[in-house]
Protein backbone atom coordinates (compact mmCIF):
# COMPACT_ATOMS: atom_id res chain seq x y z
CA MET A 1 19.28 55.90 14.78
CA GLN A 2 21.82 53.00 14.13
CA LYS A 3 20.11 51.33 16.72
CA MET A 4 16.98 52.13 15.52
CA THR A 5 18.53 50.72 12.44
CA ARG A 6 19.13 47.63 13.00
CA VAL A 7 15.76 47.05 14.79
CA VAL A 8 13.97 47.11 11.55
CA LEU A 9 16.75 45.25 9.34
CA ALA A 10 15.72 42.40 12.15
CA VAL A 11 11.92 42.54 12.03
CA LEU A 12 12.88 42.43 8.18
CA ALA A 13 14.99 39.31 8.41
CA VAL A 14 12.58 37.59 10.81
CA ALA A 15 9.50 38.76 8.62
CA GLY A 16 11.47 37.01 5.75
CA THR A 17 12.60 33.71 7.63
CA THR A 18 8.79 33.94 8.42
CA ALA A 19 7.06 33.86 4.99
CA ALA A 20 10.51 31.65 4.16
CA MET A 21 8.46 29.16 6.02
CA ALA A 22 5.53 29.43 5.38
CA GLN A 23 6.31 28.55 2.05
CA SER A 24 7.60 25.61 3.00
CA SER A 25 6.82 22.51 4.76
CA VAL A 26 9.31 19.09 5.77
CA THR A 27 7.10 16.51 8.17
CA LEU A 28 8.43 13.16 10.00
CA TYR A 29 5.67 10.53 10.00
CA GLY A 30 5.60 6.59 10.36
CA ARG A 31 4.11 3.49 11.71
CA VAL A 32 5.31 0.89 14.09
CA ASN A 33 3.49 -2.59 13.77
CA THR A 34 3.86 -5.33 15.79
CA THR A 35 2.65 -8.79 16.54
CA VAL A 36 3.11 -12.04 18.39
CA GLU A 37 1.78 -14.19 16.94
CA ARG A 38 1.61 -18.50 16.45
CA GLN A 39 2.03 -19.64 12.96
CA LYS A 40 1.65 -22.99 11.33
CA ASP A 41 2.86 -23.73 7.95
CA GLY A 42 2.00 -27.02 7.11
CA ASP A 43 3.20 -28.81 10.05
CA VAL A 44 5.31 -27.06 11.37
CA THR A 45 3.83 -24.06 14.21
CA LYS A 46 6.19 -21.17 15.41
CA THR A 47 5.65 -18.40 17.85
CA GLY A 48 8.10 -15.25 17.76
CA LEU A 49 7.28 -11.43 17.69
CA PHE A 50 6.26 -10.24 13.97
CA ASN A 51 6.83 -7.44 11.96
CA ASN A 52 3.65 -5.51 9.93
CA SER A 53 5.14 -3.19 7.44
CA SER A 54 6.72 -1.21 10.02
CA ARG A 55 8.13 2.10 8.19
CA PHE A 56 8.92 5.74 8.31
CA GLY A 57 9.23 8.62 6.01
CA VAL A 58 9.83 12.22 5.67
CA LYS A 59 7.45 14.41 3.59
CA GLY A 60 7.76 18.58 2.24
CA THR A 61 5.92 20.70 -0.35
CA GLU A 62 7.33 23.84 -1.18
CA ASP A 63 4.94 26.63 -3.06
CA LEU A 64 6.47 28.34 -5.89
CA GLY A 65 3.44 30.70 -6.68
CA GLY A 66 1.06 31.10 -8.90
CA GLY A 67 -0.79 27.50 -7.95
CA LEU A 68 2.34 25.50 -8.26
CA LYS A 69 3.81 23.95 -5.69
CA ALA A 70 6.92 21.11 -5.73
CA GLY A 71 6.61 18.20 -3.28
CA PHE A 72 8.89 15.12 -2.03
CA GLN A 73 8.35 11.79 -0.18
CA LEU A 74 11.35 8.98 0.62
CA GLU A 75 9.85 6.51 2.52
CA SER A 76 11.96 3.68 4.44
CA GLY A 77 10.47 0.39 5.74
CA PHE A 78 11.74 -1.35 9.10
CA ALA A 79 11.63 -4.82 11.10
CA SER A 80 9.73 -3.14 14.09
CA ASP A 81 11.21 -6.70 15.83
CA THR A 82 14.67 -6.35 15.01
CA GLY A 83 15.79 -2.82 14.06
CA ALA A 84 16.68 -4.13 10.81
CA GLY A 85 16.17 -2.07 7.56
CA THR A 86 13.37 -3.82 5.19
CA GLY A 87 13.03 -3.72 1.34
CA TRP A 88 9.50 -3.55 -0.70
CA PRO A 89 8.37 -5.95 -3.28
CA GLY A 90 10.66 -6.35 -6.37
CA LEU A 91 13.32 -5.33 -3.93
CA PRO A 92 15.64 -7.48 -2.35
CA SER A 93 15.75 -6.69 1.76
CA THR A 94 18.25 -5.43 3.28
CA THR A 95 19.88 -4.74 7.00
CA GLY A 96 19.94 -1.09 6.60
CA ILE A 97 18.09 2.06 5.77
CA ASN A 98 16.53 2.66 2.66
CA PHE A 99 13.66 4.23 0.64
CA GLY A 100 12.38 1.25 -1.56
CA ARG A 101 8.94 1.58 0.09
CA GLN A 102 8.70 5.43 -1.95
CA SER A 103 11.42 8.00 -3.31
CA GLU A 104 9.52 10.58 -5.33
CA VAL A 105 9.91 14.19 -6.67
CA ASN A 106 6.37 15.56 -7.46
CA LEU A 107 5.36 19.01 -9.23
CA SER A 108 1.81 19.79 -8.82
CA GLY A 109 -0.96 22.66 -9.43
CA GLY A 110 -4.52 22.73 -11.18
CA PHE A 111 -3.09 20.33 -13.73
CA GLY A 112 -2.57 17.78 -11.21
CA MET A 113 0.40 16.90 -10.60
CA VAL A 114 3.33 14.93 -12.13
CA ARG A 115 5.69 12.67 -10.02
CA LEU A 116 9.31 10.88 -10.49
CA GLY A 117 10.53 7.80 -8.85
CA ASN A 118 9.57 5.25 -6.92
CA PHE A 119 6.49 4.68 -6.32
CA THR A 120 3.48 1.45 -5.20
CA PRO A 121 0.94 1.18 -8.24
CA GLU A 122 -1.46 2.53 -7.86
CA SER A 123 -4.45 0.25 -8.72
CA TYR A 124 -2.84 -1.93 -5.94
CA TYR A 125 -4.45 1.22 -2.66
CA ALA A 126 -7.21 1.89 -5.54
CA THR A 127 -8.43 -2.54 -5.25
CA ALA A 128 -7.03 -4.74 -2.52
CA ASP A 129 -5.41 -2.45 -0.38
CA TYR A 130 -9.07 -0.11 -0.09
CA VAL A 131 -10.68 -3.03 1.42
CA SER A 132 -8.30 -4.44 3.63
CA MET A 133 -9.50 -2.79 6.70
CA HIS A 134 -9.10 -4.16 10.10
CA ASN A 135 -5.18 -4.46 9.69
CA HIS A 136 -4.22 -2.67 6.05
CA ASP A 137 -3.19 -5.61 4.49
CA THR A 138 -0.37 -5.69 6.61
CA GLY A 139 1.94 -8.75 8.48
CA SER A 140 0.38 -12.04 8.41
CA SER A 141 -2.87 -11.43 7.52
CA SER A 142 -2.55 -9.25 4.39
CA ASP A 143 -4.65 -10.21 1.09
CA ALA A 144 -2.69 -13.61 -0.40
CA LEU A 145 -3.76 -13.58 -3.09
CA TYR A 146 -3.58 -10.33 -4.90
CA GLN A 147 -0.94 -10.39 -7.87
CA ASP A 148 0.20 -7.86 -9.66
CA PRO A 149 2.62 -7.56 -12.51
CA VAL A 150 3.88 -4.65 -12.28
CA TRP A 151 5.62 -6.07 -8.28
CA PHE A 152 5.91 -10.00 -9.67
CA ASN A 153 7.60 -9.70 -13.06
CA GLY A 154 10.84 -8.15 -11.07
CA LEU A 155 9.95 -3.86 -12.16
CA GLY A 156 8.81 -3.15 -8.50
CA THR A 157 8.01 0.38 -7.78
CA LYS A 158 11.11 1.94 -8.82
CA ASN A 159 11.42 3.80 -12.54
CA LYS A 160 8.19 5.61 -12.40
CA VAL A 161 7.04 8.64 -14.60
CA GLY A 162 3.46 9.20 -13.10
CA TYR A 163 0.56 11.65 -12.94
CA ARG A 164 -2.20 12.51 -11.33
CA SER A 165 -5.32 14.34 -12.00
CA PRO A 166 -7.61 16.25 -9.77
CA SER A 167 -10.96 15.46 -8.26
CA PHE A 168 -13.40 15.63 -10.97
CA GLY A 169 -16.39 15.79 -9.05
CA GLY A 170 -15.32 12.38 -6.56
CA LEU A 171 -12.99 12.14 -9.85
CA THR A 172 -9.44 11.09 -9.46
CA ILE A 173 -7.41 9.60 -12.48
CA ASP A 174 -3.74 8.14 -11.91
CA ALA A 175 -1.22 6.25 -14.58
CA ALA A 176 2.02 5.66 -14.71
CA VAL A 177 4.42 3.70 -16.38
CA ASN A 178 7.44 1.79 -15.22
CA LEU A 179 10.26 2.26 -17.33
CA HIS A 180 12.01 -1.38 -17.31
CA GLU A 181 15.34 0.27 -18.50
CA LYS A 182 16.70 -3.01 -19.90
CA ALA A 183 20.33 -3.79 -21.01
CA ALA A 184 20.79 -3.97 -24.48
CA GLY A 185 19.92 -6.92 -26.51
CA THR A 186 17.03 -7.87 -24.52
CA ASN A 187 13.14 -7.63 -24.72
CA ASN A 188 11.91 -6.34 -20.92
CA LYS A 189 9.05 -4.29 -21.96
CA ASN A 190 8.28 -1.31 -19.38
CA GLY A 191 5.20 -1.58 -16.97
CA TYR A 192 1.97 0.59 -16.97
CA ASP A 193 -0.09 1.19 -14.62
CA LEU A 194 -3.53 3.19 -14.27
CA ALA A 195 -6.45 4.01 -11.47
CA ALA A 196 -9.26 5.77 -10.66
CA ASN A 197 -11.40 6.28 -7.32
CA TYR A 198 -15.21 7.96 -7.30
CA ASN A 199 -15.70 8.94 -3.74
CA VAL A 200 -19.78 9.89 -2.99
CA GLY A 201 -21.12 9.83 -0.06
CA ALA A 202 -20.90 6.76 1.56
CA LEU A 203 -20.42 5.20 -1.53
CA ALA A 204 -15.97 4.99 -2.67
CA LEU A 205 -15.52 3.23 -6.37
CA GLY A 206 -12.31 1.66 -7.99
CA ALA A 207 -10.83 0.65 -10.33
CA GLY A 208 -7.19 -0.90 -11.18
CA TYR A 209 -5.39 -2.05 -14.51
CA SER A 210 -1.49 -3.43 -14.90
CA GLN A 211 0.79 -4.65 -17.69
CA VAL A 212 4.44 -6.13 -17.63
CA ASP A 213 5.24 -7.50 -21.03
CA ASP A 214 1.72 -9.89 -22.08
CA ASP A 215 0.95 -10.42 -18.12
CA LYS A 216 -1.46 -7.90 -17.13
CA GLN A 217 -4.17 -7.82 -13.92
CA LEU A 218 -7.73 -6.07 -13.80
CA GLY A 219 -9.46 -4.93 -10.98
CA LEU A 220 -12.68 -3.75 -9.20
CA ARG A 221 -13.59 -2.59 -6.06
CA ALA A 222 -16.86 -1.21 -4.12
CA LEU A 223 -16.69 0.08 -0.23
CA TYR A 224 -19.92 1.43 1.19
CA THR A 225 -20.32 2.91 4.51
CA VAL A 226 -24.00 2.55 6.32
CA GLY A 227 -24.34 3.39 10.31
CA GLN A 228 -21.87 1.90 12.01
CA PHE A 229 -21.62 -0.77 8.96
CA THR A 230 -18.77 -0.22 6.29
CA VAL A 231 -18.88 -3.15 3.97
CA GLY A 232 -16.82 -3.85 0.37
CA GLY A 233 -15.13 -6.10 -2.16
CA TYR A 234 -12.88 -6.17 -4.93
CA TYR A 235 -12.80 -8.24 -8.18
CA GLN A 236 -9.71 -9.60 -10.11
CA ARG A 237 -9.36 -11.21 -13.45
CA ASN A 238 -5.72 -12.15 -14.04
CA ASP A 239 -3.92 -12.79 -17.56
CA GLU A 240 -0.20 -14.30 -17.38
CA THR A 241 1.99 -15.91 -20.25
CA LEU A 242 3.22 -18.83 -17.82
CA LEU A 243 0.17 -19.90 -15.57
CA GLY A 244 -2.23 -18.77 -17.74
CA THR A 245 -6.10 -16.57 -16.28
CA ARG A 246 -7.72 -16.74 -12.84
CA ASN A 247 -10.23 -14.64 -11.35
CA ASN A 248 -9.90 -13.34 -7.81
CA PHE A 249 -12.61 -12.48 -5.07
CA ARG A 250 -12.79 -10.97 -1.94
CA LEU A 251 -15.38 -9.62 0.61
CA ALA A 252 -14.98 -7.64 3.24
CA GLY A 253 -17.17 -5.96 6.37
CA MET A 254 -16.55 -3.66 9.71
CA TYR A 255 -18.92 -3.06 12.40
CA ALA A 256 -18.01 -0.23 14.12
CA LEU A 257 -19.45 0.40 18.08
CA GLY A 258 -17.06 2.65 20.23
CA ALA A 259 -13.61 2.35 19.83
CA SER A 260 -13.92 -1.66 19.08
CA GLU A 261 -13.83 -2.19 15.63
CA PHE A 262 -15.35 -6.10 14.64
CA HIS A 263 -14.09 -7.71 10.56
CA LEU A 264 -14.31 -9.93 8.65
CA ASN A 265 -13.30 -10.67 4.86
CA LEU A 266 -13.17 -13.41 2.91
CA GLY A 267 -10.98 -14.41 -0.74
CA ARG A 268 -11.09 -16.65 -2.88
CA ALA A 269 -8.97 -17.28 -5.91
CA ASN A 270 -9.71 -19.98 -9.03
CA SER A 271 -7.51 -22.16 -10.75
CA TRP A 272 -5.42 -20.54 -12.19
CA SER A 273 -6.31 -22.02 -15.83
CA ASN A 274 -2.39 -23.93 -16.69
CA ARG A 275 -2.05 -24.72 -13.43
CA THR A 276 -4.66 -27.21 -12.12
CA ASP A 277 -5.80 -27.33 -7.84
CA SER A 278 -4.38 -24.19 -7.71
CA ALA A 279 -7.24 -22.59 -5.86
CA ALA A 280 -6.88 -21.33 -2.63
CA THR A 281 -9.31 -19.38 -0.22
CA GLN A 282 -7.96 -17.21 2.46
CA TYR A 283 -10.46 -16.07 5.62
CA THR A 284 -9.45 -13.28 8.59
CA VAL A 285 -11.56 -12.77 11.44
CA GLY A 286 -10.28 -9.67 13.56
CA TYR A 287 -10.90 -7.01 16.48
CA ASN A 288 -9.28 -4.03 16.99
CA TYR A 289 -9.66 -1.60 19.70
CA ASN A 290 -8.50 2.05 19.08
CA LEU A 291 -6.90 4.08 22.62
CA SER A 292 -6.58 7.43 20.13
CA LYS A 293 -6.30 7.98 16.47
CA ARG A 294 -3.40 6.85 16.13
CA THR A 295 -2.82 3.92 18.28
CA LYS A 296 -4.60 0.86 18.59
CA VAL A 297 -4.17 -3.10 20.33
CA TYR A 298 -6.08 -5.58 18.19
CA GLY A 299 -6.20 -8.99 17.64
CA TYR A 300 -6.66 -11.65 14.33
CA TYR A 301 -6.74 -14.91 13.21
CA THR A 302 -6.67 -15.95 9.86
CA ARG A 303 -6.02 -19.26 7.83
CA VAL A 304 -5.36 -19.47 3.96
CA ASN A 305 -6.92 -23.21 2.41
CA ASN A 306 -4.38 -24.19 -0.74
CA ASP A 307 -5.36 -26.22 -2.91
CA ASN A 308 -2.38 -29.64 -3.76
CA GLY A 309 -0.92 -27.80 -6.73
CA ALA A 310 -1.08 -23.86 -4.84
CA SER A 311 0.89 -22.42 -2.61
CA TYR A 312 0.03 -18.92 -1.18
CA ASN A 313 1.30 -17.45 2.29
CA VAL A 314 3.14 -21.46 2.84
CA SER A 315 6.65 -23.36 2.05
CA ALA A 316 5.15 -26.05 0.06
CA PRO A 317 2.23 -26.60 -2.59
CA GLY A 318 -0.74 -28.13 -1.13
CA THR A 319 -0.11 -26.67 3.27
CA ASP A 320 -2.03 -24.55 4.77
CA PHE A 321 -1.39 -21.23 6.31
CA SER A 322 -2.87 -19.99 9.78
CA SER A 323 -1.79 -17.88 12.52
CA PHE A 324 -3.68 -16.35 15.72
CA ALA A 325 -1.55 -12.84 16.53
CA VAL A 326 -2.16 -9.73 19.25
CA GLY A 327 -0.68 -6.72 18.22
CA VAL A 328 0.13 -2.65 18.96
CA ARG A 329 0.09 -0.34 15.65
CA HIS A 330 0.85 2.95 16.73
CA ASN A 331 1.03 5.88 14.07
CA PHE A 332 3.39 9.39 13.94
């Protein structure tokens, strides 16, 4: 009888452990993305090994019952060419691992999701990142012309309170405030970010708005897939205190043939109204070969042509940037 009691208790313990494990999960994920490139900044040429926003992270959820879930996500960047830890826009680079890319805790349910912590503006994901299909807006071929005041005014991605709505027939809304936590006597204001995504069939639409102090941006995006072709683009309008206003456009296209992808995108930023000759053009031609769902080899040529008063991707105004790259990206 005593032996049977022990067996029953052991079975119950295992069953309880299994139930607890079923209610929560933790996942390790990441991406290693590295290129060999020949870059040219004005008259200076260099050849080297370059990191393309490699990263790793841990995320998890716990089922609290009644449709309520708790979640978290911690994400750190690292330089795949050296192994050093890296920072994120608005945060200083460091030599150690940090969670500058993302560090959030959230609660979700039928009401949507409430997010607290440090995470990338959803207005960026809804516009610029969405149409950067060839290398997911990383490395030297990333979108040099997109500008968001949440990043460029020093708030970065941190100190955020956010909300994501449930899907309403394919429409989701994200809203967030970056708490400035300003020192006494300063006049800096909080940052605000708003994004909308609408997906129905082959059509994907998006919009994003950000504001910090008197600097703001509005972006609109569309993407459409028909057969083996995907075409899309975005329009961005900036209004900033020092630079004035400008318009920024980008068009992108992809042709998929088996494991191969052929990419072409073109971006144009007009001159800022308070800075003459500050326009620039960027174009990228790329090829991806997908060895699996997680691994690809690729190559691209990208170029930024700056007017005399523009300095996108370069060390001196009026010079141009270009890069020829081949690389490997692996997701895990």
